[in-house]
């Protein structure tokens, strides 16, 4: 697969996995994250310091529509709420994979912040884990 980020999430993930500390903490995950192709949407980022990263400074919806027409691996957006919102508005997301953790945060941004209308989702798959996390796969309807 390939990873897609907004700049803030990209910065956080690069700090976590491309550093010596990240490689020592979990070498297998650090290697996998570094080797995967990554796209970051940013108008301010000029240089990618994490291997296999391309920066796209144009409209994410226009760029992603072009990318989806090309052959290549499935893409996964990690976090990056503003990118999710933009691509949801343009109906460019095929599947939503949501991880529900057993914690109430009580604040912060929502994943679908700023959408002008509601839309339905069809549950495709679910998986629960011993730590209480549940992964839900939804398709827009």
Protein backbone atom coordinates (compact mmCIF):
# COMPACT_ATOMS: atom_id res chain seq x y z
CA UNK A 1 0.00 0.00 0.00
CA UNK A 2 0.83 3.67 -0.07
CA UNK A 3 0.36 6.26 2.66
CA UNK A 4 -1.31 9.67 2.31
CA UNK A 5 -0.89 12.49 4.83
CA UNK A 6 -1.53 16.13 5.44
CA UNK A 7 1.54 18.06 6.60
CA UNK A 8 0.87 17.94 10.36
CA UNK A 9 0.30 14.17 10.43
CA UNK A 10 3.27 13.64 8.11
CA UNK A 11 5.53 15.62 10.46
CA UNK A 12 4.32 13.59 13.46
CA UNK A 13 4.74 10.22 11.70
CA UNK A 14 8.16 11.14 10.28
CA UNK A 15 9.36 12.09 13.77
CA UNK A 16 8.00 8.82 15.15
CA UNK A 17 9.35 6.41 12.53
CA UNK A 18 12.27 7.93 10.62
CA UNK A 19 14.36 8.71 13.69
CA UNK A 20 16.85 6.51 15.51
CA UNK A 21 14.46 6.35 18.48
CA UNK A 22 11.64 5.10 16.25
CA UNK A 23 13.84 2.49 14.63
CA UNK A 24 14.96 1.25 18.05
CA UNK A 25 11.44 1.25 19.51
CA UNK A 26 9.94 -0.92 16.78
CA UNK A 27 12.36 -1.75 13.93
CA UNK A 28 9.87 -3.73 11.83
CA UNK A 29 7.24 -0.97 11.84
CA UNK A 30 9.86 1.74 11.25
CA UNK A 31 11.25 -0.16 8.25
CA UNK A 32 7.78 -0.79 6.80
CA UNK A 33 6.67 2.83 7.25
CA UNK A 34 9.90 4.13 5.71
CA UNK A 35 9.80 1.77 2.72
CA UNK A 36 6.18 2.50 1.80
CA UNK A 37 5.50 5.19 -0.81
CA UNK A 38 4.16 8.31 0.87
CA UNK A 39 2.26 11.32 -0.48
CA UNK A 40 1.98 14.45 1.64
CA UNK A 41 -0.34 17.30 0.69
CA UNK A 42 1.22 20.56 1.79
CA UNK A 43 1.62 24.09 0.50
CA UNK A 44 4.35 24.87 3.07
CA UNK A 45 6.57 21.76 3.09
CA UNK A 46 9.45 22.23 0.65
CA UNK A 47 11.64 19.21 1.36
CA UNK A 48 10.73 15.67 2.37
CA UNK A 49 13.23 14.28 4.86
CA UNK A 50 11.54 10.87 5.08
CA UNK A 51 12.42 8.38 2.33
CA UNK A 52 9.95 7.57 -0.45
CA UNK A 53 7.92 10.76 0.03
CA UNK A 54 6.48 13.00 -2.63
CA UNK A 55 5.05 16.42 -1.81
CA UNK A 56 1.98 17.69 -3.65
CA UNK A 57 1.21 21.39 -3.23
CA UNK A 58 -1.87 21.49 -5.46
CA UNK A 59 -5.53 20.92 -4.58
CA UNK A 60 -5.73 17.47 -2.91
CA UNK A 61 -9.02 16.58 -4.62
CA UNK A 62 -7.68 17.32 -8.12
CA UNK A 63 -4.37 15.56 -7.44
CA UNK A 64 -6.00 12.51 -5.85
CA UNK A 65 -8.45 12.12 -8.74
CA UNK A 66 -5.44 11.96 -11.07
CA UNK A 67 -3.53 9.56 -8.80
CA UNK A 68 -6.52 7.20 -8.57
CA UNK A 69 -6.61 6.90 -12.37
CA UNK A 70 -3.01 5.63 -12.38
CA UNK A 71 -2.12 2.00 -11.67
CA UNK A 72 -0.64 1.50 -8.24
CA UNK A 73 -1.20 0.19 -4.74
CA UNK A 74 -4.19 1.02 -2.57
CA UNK A 75 -3.71 4.20 -0.57
CA UNK A 76 -4.35 4.69 3.14
CA UNK A 77 -4.85 8.06 4.80
CA UNK A 78 -3.56 8.09 8.37
CA UNK A 79 -5.23 10.80 10.44
CA UNK A 80 -5.10 13.99 8.38
CA UNK A 81 -8.66 15.14 9.03
CA UNK A 82 -8.50 18.07 6.61
CA UNK A 83 -7.42 15.75 3.78
CA UNK A 84 -10.17 13.25 4.68
CA UNK A 85 -12.74 16.06 4.61
CA UNK A 86 -11.51 17.37 1.25
CA UNK A 87 -11.45 13.92 -0.36
CA UNK A 88 -14.82 12.98 1.17
CA UNK A 89 -16.41 16.11 -0.32
CA UNK A 90 -15.03 15.08 -3.72
CA UNK A 91 -16.26 11.48 -3.19
CA UNK A 92 -12.76 10.10 -3.68
CA UNK A 93 -12.63 7.76 -0.68
CA UNK A 94 -13.68 4.19 -1.44
CA UNK A 95 -13.45 2.72 2.08
CA UNK A 96 -13.20 4.26 5.54
CA UNK A 97 -11.21 2.21 8.05
CA UNK A 98 -11.93 3.59 11.50
CA UNK A 99 -10.23 2.50 14.72
CA UNK A 100 -12.34 2.95 17.84
CA UNK A 101 -10.33 2.99 21.07
CA UNK A 102 -11.84 2.61 24.54
CA UNK A 103 -11.19 6.20 25.63
CA UNK A 104 -13.26 9.38 25.72
CA UNK A 105 -11.16 12.39 24.77
CA UNK A 106 -13.71 15.11 25.53
CA UNK A 107 -12.36 17.54 22.94
CA UNK A 108 -10.43 18.01 19.73
CA UNK A 109 -11.28 17.91 16.06
CA UNK A 110 -13.58 15.39 14.46
CA UNK A 111 -12.51 13.35 11.45
CA UNK A 112 -15.35 14.69 9.32
CA UNK A 113 -15.22 18.30 10.48
CA UNK A 114 -16.74 20.82 8.09
CA UNK A 115 -18.68 18.51 5.79
CA UNK A 116 -21.72 20.33 4.41
CA UNK A 117 -24.02 17.29 4.48
CA UNK A 118 -24.40 13.88 6.06
CA UNK A 119 -23.89 10.64 4.13
CA UNK A 120 -24.51 6.98 4.81
CA UNK A 121 -21.96 4.25 5.39
CA UNK A 122 -22.30 0.50 4.92
CA UNK A 123 -20.35 -1.72 7.32
CA UNK A 124 -18.13 -4.03 5.27
CA UNK A 125 -16.01 -5.66 7.97
CA UNK A 126 -15.14 -5.35 11.64
CA UNK A 127 -12.46 -6.74 13.90
CA UNK A 128 -12.00 -6.43 17.65
CA UNK A 129 -8.78 -6.74 19.61
CA UNK A 130 -7.98 -7.81 23.15
CA UNK A 131 -6.98 -4.26 24.11
CA UNK A 132 -10.53 -3.05 23.47
CA UNK A 133 -9.82 -1.46 20.09
CA UNK A 134 -12.26 -2.18 17.28
CA UNK A 135 -11.50 -1.63 13.59
CA UNK A 136 -14.50 -0.88 11.38
CA UNK A 137 -14.42 -0.85 7.58
CA UNK A 138 -17.16 1.20 5.92
CA UNK A 139 -18.07 1.93 2.32
CA UNK A 140 -19.93 5.15 1.47
CA UNK A 141 -23.47 4.58 0.15
